[in-house]
Structures are given as structure tokens and as C-alpha cells.
Amino acid sequence: MTVKTTDLSGLNARRFVLATDLDGTFLGGSDEDRSRLYGWIEANRDSVGLIFVTGRDPKFIGELCRERGVPWPDYAVGDVGTTIATVSPETGVAPIEHLETEISARWGNAGDTVRARLDGYPGLTLQPTDFRYRVSYDIDPDIFDGSAWDVVLGMGFQPLISDNRFFDVLPDGVSKGPSLRRLVDYLAIKPERVLCAGDTLNDLSMLECGLPAVAVGNSEQELVKRVAHLEHLHMAQAHGAAGILEAIRAFEMHDLPEGY
């Protein structure tokens, strides 16, 4: 069981915390939409917290914030939930080891075994990044052999397909939603203050985890079908960053300027 602690970043005292996927969600929408959302966040950092919940790795997150003018998050749940980390311009992305203990134990040293078992599997191209607790592939949907799903389950791990483009092998029971809830609990943030935002199937566990949620307007259709029944979820019309602002208004989670 995770032990609650005082959040030295003050995140548990902020009125609103955005926990958002990156590609297609926080990075989605028009330049104007992104500029509006990012500017509003930076102008309200005393009352707005930011957590990236992404399939991207720590190196990408650091480069994104340093080089592309994206606001630095307070924390990150990266690598499809297999990394839980603090984030700052000074230290970059630093994993919180005691929050990752269970993730590490469930994975062990499985990377080489998984790669060997799926080597040459039709439609799977291994991604070059050496992830710590996952193995990830790009999918060629024209030749992909869906039996890879059963192979991974048979090995005791969790397969995940998103946007019909990516195939992830994760520790059993580990994904964005459980890891975000572990972080929220650790930081003693009131759940009703957190808005989860996503757009593809690798966001499903996050949108289902019971926190207020939004599927932005450009969401993958399979995700839309899977979350349509959720009472705690707002199905946005607007895409990407604008969809996030739409949900903040709909849930009345924070004041927004006129026209946002």
C-alpha cells in the first residue's frame, strides 16, 4: 500500500491538476489552441498543477520542454505508466524509485526475453529506445499477426495496442491509470481536483480510473466507443488543447478567461 506524504511541490494545495497525455492531446489542436492553454497554465501555476501521462520516455519529455516551449510539468507518468517521476528544468525527469518498486518487480529483467520471443514477428518493428520496464514496437497493420497478443499474455505480461500503430508489452497490471492513481495518492491530491485527458487506447486505463476525465475531440474511435458510458468523462468536441479547455469549463474545475 502506498503511504501518503506531504507534497513538497505544493501540488496537493492547488485548486486544479491537469494529468494529460501528450501526442494528440496536450500537443494536439491548432497552434493558437496550444498557445492559449499553455499560456493559461503558466499564468496560473500557483493554482494549477501539471502531470504528463504519456507513452513517451523521460528523454523526450525533457527535450520537449527545453526546446519547444512546452510548460514543464510538476510530475510525469511516462513510458505508458512504467515510469513515475518528478520533473524540473534543473533535474530533468527523475524517477521516484519507491513508487516504481512494484513496477520493477513485475517486470524483472524481461526485456531480452520479450524481444527474443517477438523477434521477426509479422508486422512488428522494435522501437530503438531501451525502455526500463517495457518493450515497444511499431505496427504495420497490413501484415500484423494478432496472435502476438496471446503470445504476450502467455508470457505473463500485458499487451497494449494503441492507434493501430503501436504495440507495447508492459508488466502485468501496469498502465497509465494505475500509475497515475499511485502518484495522486502519494501526493495526497484530492481526486476530484484532477482532470485526466487523452485520445488513444493507451489512455484508456487513465480515463477509466475514476478521476474526472476528457476524451478530446480527435480521439481514436475505438477509445470513444470504450469510454462513451463513463459518467465521469466529458466527450469533447474540440480537438487537443482546446478539448482540454472545453472540459475544464464543463466540469467547472477552474476559472477561465472569457473566450477560453
Protein backbone atom coordinates (compact mmCIF):
# COMPACT_ATOMS: atom_id res chain seq x y z
CA MET A 1 0.00 0.00 0.00
CA THR A 2 1.26 3.48 -0.87
CA VAL A 3 1.91 5.71 2.13
CA LYS A 4 0.67 9.26 1.76
CA THR A 5 3.15 12.04 2.33
CA THR A 6 3.33 15.82 2.29
CA ASP A 7 3.71 17.08 -1.26
CA LEU A 8 6.74 19.38 -1.13
CA SER A 9 5.83 20.80 -4.55
CA GLY A 10 2.52 22.09 -3.14
CA LEU A 11 0.55 20.19 -5.76
CA ASN A 12 -1.96 18.96 -3.20
CA ALA A 13 -2.83 22.57 -2.33
CA ARG A 14 -3.52 23.69 -5.88
CA ARG A 15 -7.08 24.09 -7.00
CA PHE A 16 -6.72 22.08 -10.19
CA VAL A 17 -4.30 19.47 -11.58
CA LEU A 18 -4.22 18.52 -15.26
CA ALA A 19 -2.99 14.98 -15.91
CA THR A 20 -2.61 14.82 -19.67
CA ASP A 21 -1.39 12.63 -22.47
CA LEU A 22 0.94 14.42 -24.88
CA ASP A 23 0.67 13.40 -28.56
CA GLY A 24 -2.75 14.30 -29.91
CA THR A 25 -3.91 15.71 -26.58
CA PHE A 26 -1.71 18.32 -24.86
CA LEU A 27 0.26 18.66 -28.12
CA GLY A 28 -2.88 18.40 -30.27
CA GLY A 29 -5.04 21.11 -31.80
CA SER A 30 -4.01 24.31 -33.50
CA ASP A 31 -1.02 26.49 -32.64
CA GLU A 32 -3.49 29.03 -31.27
CA ASP A 33 -5.20 26.42 -29.08
CA ARG A 34 -1.90 25.21 -27.63
CA SER A 35 -0.67 28.75 -27.03
CA ARG A 36 -3.91 29.61 -25.21
CA LEU A 37 -3.73 26.54 -22.94
CA TYR A 38 -0.01 26.78 -22.23
CA GLY A 39 -0.18 30.49 -21.51
CA TRP A 40 -3.09 29.99 -19.13
CA ILE A 41 -1.23 27.26 -17.25
CA GLU A 42 1.94 29.34 -16.90
CA ALA A 43 -0.05 32.36 -15.70
CA ASN A 44 -1.75 30.25 -13.01
CA ARG A 45 0.98 27.95 -11.69
CA ASP A 46 0.08 28.91 -8.13
CA SER A 47 -3.32 27.21 -8.56
CA VAL A 48 -2.74 24.81 -11.49
CA GLY A 49 -0.63 21.65 -11.35
CA LEU A 50 0.55 19.71 -14.39
CA ILE A 51 1.31 15.99 -14.79
CA PHE A 52 2.29 14.46 -18.12
CA VAL A 53 0.84 10.94 -18.53
CA THR A 54 2.42 9.66 -21.69
CA GLY A 55 3.88 6.79 -23.65
CA ARG A 56 6.95 8.93 -24.22
CA ASP A 57 10.21 8.34 -22.37
CA PRO A 58 11.95 10.77 -19.94
CA LYS A 59 14.46 11.98 -22.56
CA PHE A 60 11.64 13.07 -24.88
CA ILE A 61 9.84 14.91 -22.07
CA GLY A 62 12.97 16.89 -21.16
CA GLU A 63 13.70 17.80 -24.77
CA LEU A 64 10.06 18.77 -25.35
CA CYS A 65 10.08 21.30 -22.52
CA ARG A 66 13.58 22.66 -23.16
CA GLU A 67 13.36 23.03 -26.91
CA ARG A 68 9.70 23.51 -27.83
CA GLY A 69 8.42 25.94 -25.21
CA VAL A 70 6.00 23.45 -23.65
CA PRO A 71 5.32 24.11 -19.93
CA TRP A 72 7.39 21.98 -17.56
CA PRO A 73 5.14 19.54 -15.70
CA ASP A 74 5.44 19.03 -11.96
CA TYR A 75 5.49 15.24 -12.39
CA ALA A 76 5.37 12.68 -15.17
CA VAL A 77 3.89 9.24 -15.56
CA GLY A 78 5.86 8.16 -18.61
CA ASP A 79 6.61 5.06 -20.65
CA VAL A 80 2.90 4.06 -20.68
CA GLY A 81 2.81 4.05 -16.88
CA THR A 82 6.11 2.27 -16.21
CA THR A 83 7.89 5.47 -15.13
CA ILE A 84 6.72 7.69 -12.24
CA ALA A 85 8.93 10.75 -11.85
CA THR A 86 9.49 14.27 -10.64
CA VAL A 87 10.21 16.84 -13.33
CA SER A 88 12.02 20.17 -13.24
CA PRO A 89 14.23 22.29 -15.52
CA GLU A 90 17.12 21.78 -13.09
CA THR A 91 16.99 18.00 -12.62
CA GLY A 92 15.05 16.92 -15.71
CA VAL A 93 12.96 13.77 -15.26
CA ALA A 94 13.94 11.85 -12.11
CA PRO A 95 12.13 8.55 -11.34
CA ILE A 96 10.64 8.20 -7.84
CA GLU A 97 12.16 4.82 -7.02
CA HIS A 98 9.85 3.77 -4.19
CA LEU A 99 6.78 4.38 -6.39
CA GLU A 100 8.28 2.16 -9.07
CA THR A 101 9.20 -0.78 -6.81
CA GLU A 102 6.14 -2.84 -7.73
CA ILE A 103 6.52 -1.99 -11.42
CA SER A 104 10.14 -3.14 -11.38
CA ALA A 105 9.27 -6.35 -9.53
CA ARG A 106 6.51 -7.24 -12.00
CA TRP A 107 8.83 -6.72 -14.96
CA GLY A 108 12.05 -8.23 -13.59
CA ASN A 109 14.63 -8.45 -16.37
CA ALA A 110 12.11 -9.41 -19.03
CA GLY A 111 13.25 -7.13 -21.84
CA ASP A 112 15.61 -9.56 -23.55
CA THR A 113 13.13 -12.43 -23.19
CA VAL A 114 10.28 -10.45 -24.74
CA ARG A 115 12.42 -9.16 -27.60
CA ALA A 116 13.68 -12.65 -28.37
CA ARG A 117 10.17 -14.14 -28.31
CA LEU A 118 8.75 -11.50 -30.69
CA ASP A 119 11.80 -11.22 -32.92
CA GLY A 120 10.70 -11.38 -36.55
CA TYR A 121 7.00 -11.43 -35.67
CA PRO A 122 4.95 -10.25 -38.68
CA GLY A 123 4.08 -6.55 -38.59
CA LEU A 124 6.19 -5.64 -35.54
CA THR A 125 9.23 -3.36 -35.74
CA LEU A 126 11.12 -2.93 -32.48
CA GLN A 127 11.41 0.69 -31.33
CA PRO A 128 15.08 1.63 -30.75
CA THR A 129 14.68 3.17 -27.29
CA ASP A 130 15.93 0.94 -24.47
CA PHE A 131 12.98 1.30 -22.09
CA ARG A 132 13.47 0.17 -18.50
CA TYR A 133 10.24 -1.73 -17.83
CA ARG A 134 8.58 -2.17 -21.23
CA VAL A 135 9.24 -3.26 -24.80
CA SER A 136 7.57 -1.32 -27.61
CA TYR A 137 7.02 -1.88 -31.32
CA ASP A 138 5.66 0.00 -34.32
CA ILE A 139 2.87 -1.88 -36.12
CA ASP A 140 2.46 -2.44 -39.85
CA PRO A 141 -1.32 -3.09 -39.81
CA ASP A 142 -1.26 -4.69 -43.27
CA ILE A 143 0.82 -7.66 -42.11
CA PHE A 144 0.44 -7.62 -38.32
CA ASP A 145 -0.30 -11.03 -36.83
CA GLY A 146 -2.74 -10.55 -33.94
CA SER A 147 -1.59 -13.75 -32.29
CA ALA A 148 1.24 -11.67 -30.82
CA TRP A 149 -1.34 -10.54 -28.24
CA ASP A 150 -1.81 -14.10 -26.98
CA VAL A 151 1.94 -14.74 -27.02
CA VAL A 152 2.49 -11.81 -24.66
CA LEU A 153 -0.35 -12.87 -22.36
CA GLY A 154 1.12 -16.36 -22.28
CA MET A 155 4.41 -14.91 -21.06
CA GLY A 156 2.61 -13.24 -18.15
CA PHE A 157 2.79 -9.67 -19.44
CA GLN A 158 0.21 -7.13 -20.62
CA PRO A 159 -0.03 -6.28 -24.34
CA LEU A 160 -1.42 -2.92 -25.44
CA ILE A 161 -2.27 -1.74 -28.95
CA SER A 162 -3.00 1.95 -29.50
CA ASP A 163 -3.94 4.00 -32.56
CA ASN A 164 -3.40 0.82 -34.63
CA ARG A 165 0.25 1.97 -34.75
CA PHE A 166 1.92 0.88 -31.53
CA PHE A 167 2.26 -2.44 -29.71
CA ASP A 168 3.53 -2.22 -26.13
CA VAL A 169 4.49 -5.05 -23.80
CA LEU A 170 4.04 -3.95 -20.18
CA PRO A 171 4.31 -5.53 -16.73
CA ASP A 172 1.02 -7.22 -15.84
CA GLY A 173 -1.38 -4.75 -14.19
CA VAL A 174 0.73 -1.71 -15.04
CA SER A 175 -0.50 1.11 -17.30
CA LYS A 176 -1.22 4.82 -17.20
CA GLY A 177 -4.28 4.68 -14.92
CA PRO A 178 -2.89 2.63 -12.01
CA SER A 179 0.39 4.56 -12.03
CA LEU A 180 -1.40 7.92 -12.05
CA ARG A 181 -3.60 6.85 -9.14
CA ARG A 182 -0.47 5.73 -7.26
CA LEU A 183 1.07 9.18 -7.79
CA VAL A 184 -2.12 11.08 -6.89
CA ASP A 185 -2.44 9.06 -3.69
CA TYR A 186 1.23 9.56 -2.82
CA LEU A 187 0.89 13.32 -3.27
CA ALA A 188 -2.39 13.40 -1.30
CA ILE A 189 -4.18 15.28 -4.09
CA LYS A 190 -7.96 15.24 -3.81
CA PRO A 191 -9.16 13.08 -6.73
CA GLU A 192 -11.93 15.47 -7.71
CA ARG A 193 -9.30 18.14 -8.46
CA VAL A 194 -7.56 16.06 -11.15
CA LEU A 195 -8.62 16.10 -14.81
CA CYS A 196 -7.32 13.24 -16.99
CA ALA A 197 -7.07 13.95 -20.73
CA GLY A 198 -6.35 11.53 -23.57
CA ASP A 199 -7.04 10.49 -27.14
CA THR A 200 -5.92 6.88 -27.83
CA LEU A 201 -6.33 3.41 -26.37
CA ASN A 202 -3.17 3.67 -24.33
CA ASP A 203 -5.09 6.35 -22.37
CA LEU A 204 -8.00 4.00 -21.65
CA SER A 205 -6.92 2.92 -18.16
CA MET A 206 -6.33 6.57 -17.23
CA LEU A 207 -9.75 7.67 -18.44
CA GLU A 208 -11.36 4.70 -16.66
CA CYS A 209 -9.54 5.15 -13.33
CA GLY A 210 -12.35 7.16 -11.70
CA LEU A 211 -10.87 10.67 -11.88
CA PRO A 212 -12.68 13.38 -13.87
CA ALA A 213 -11.71 12.78 -17.49
CA VAL A 214 -11.94 14.07 -21.04
CA ALA A 215 -11.56 12.31 -24.38
CA VAL A 216 -10.58 15.15 -26.72
CA GLY A 217 -12.44 15.61 -29.99
CA ASN A 218 -9.79 13.96 -32.18
CA SER A 219 -9.79 10.75 -30.11
CA GLU A 220 -9.32 7.34 -31.68
CA GLN A 221 -12.77 5.91 -32.47
CA GLU A 222 -12.14 2.69 -30.59
CA LEU A 223 -11.35 4.74 -27.47
CA VAL A 224 -14.56 6.74 -27.92
CA LYS A 225 -16.56 3.51 -28.01
CA ARG A 226 -14.88 2.17 -24.89
CA VAL A 227 -15.41 5.30 -22.74
CA ALA A 228 -18.80 6.54 -24.00
CA HIS A 229 -20.61 5.08 -20.97
CA LEU A 230 -18.39 6.71 -18.32
CA GLU A 231 -20.35 9.22 -16.23
CA HIS A 232 -17.19 10.95 -15.01
CA LEU A 233 -15.97 11.62 -18.57
CA HIS A 234 -16.58 14.59 -20.86
CA MET A 235 -16.58 13.78 -24.57
CA ALA A 236 -15.11 16.94 -26.06
CA GLN A 237 -16.00 18.39 -29.43
CA ALA A 238 -12.82 20.46 -29.68
CA HIS A 239 -9.52 18.84 -30.56
CA GLY A 240 -6.35 18.57 -28.49
CA ALA A 241 -5.57 21.52 -26.24
CA ALA A 242 -8.92 23.17 -26.97
CA GLY A 243 -10.68 19.97 -25.86
CA ILE A 244 -8.89 20.17 -22.52
CA LEU A 245 -10.07 23.76 -22.01
CA GLU A 246 -13.59 22.68 -23.00
CA ALA A 247 -13.57 20.04 -20.25
CA ILE A 248 -12.23 22.45 -17.62
CA ARG A 249 -15.21 24.65 -18.38
CA ALA A 250 -17.67 21.75 -18.46
CA PHE A 251 -16.56 20.41 -15.07
CA GLU A 252 -16.08 23.93 -13.61
CA MET A 253 -12.71 22.85 -12.25
CA HIS A 254 -11.05 26.28 -12.55
CA ASP A 255 -11.94 29.78 -13.67
CA LEU A 256 -11.04 30.56 -17.30
CA PRO A 257 -10.81 33.91 -19.05
CA GLU A 258 -13.66 34.99 -21.29
CA GLY A 259 -13.38 33.31 -24.69
CA TYR A 260 -11.37 30.29 -23.49
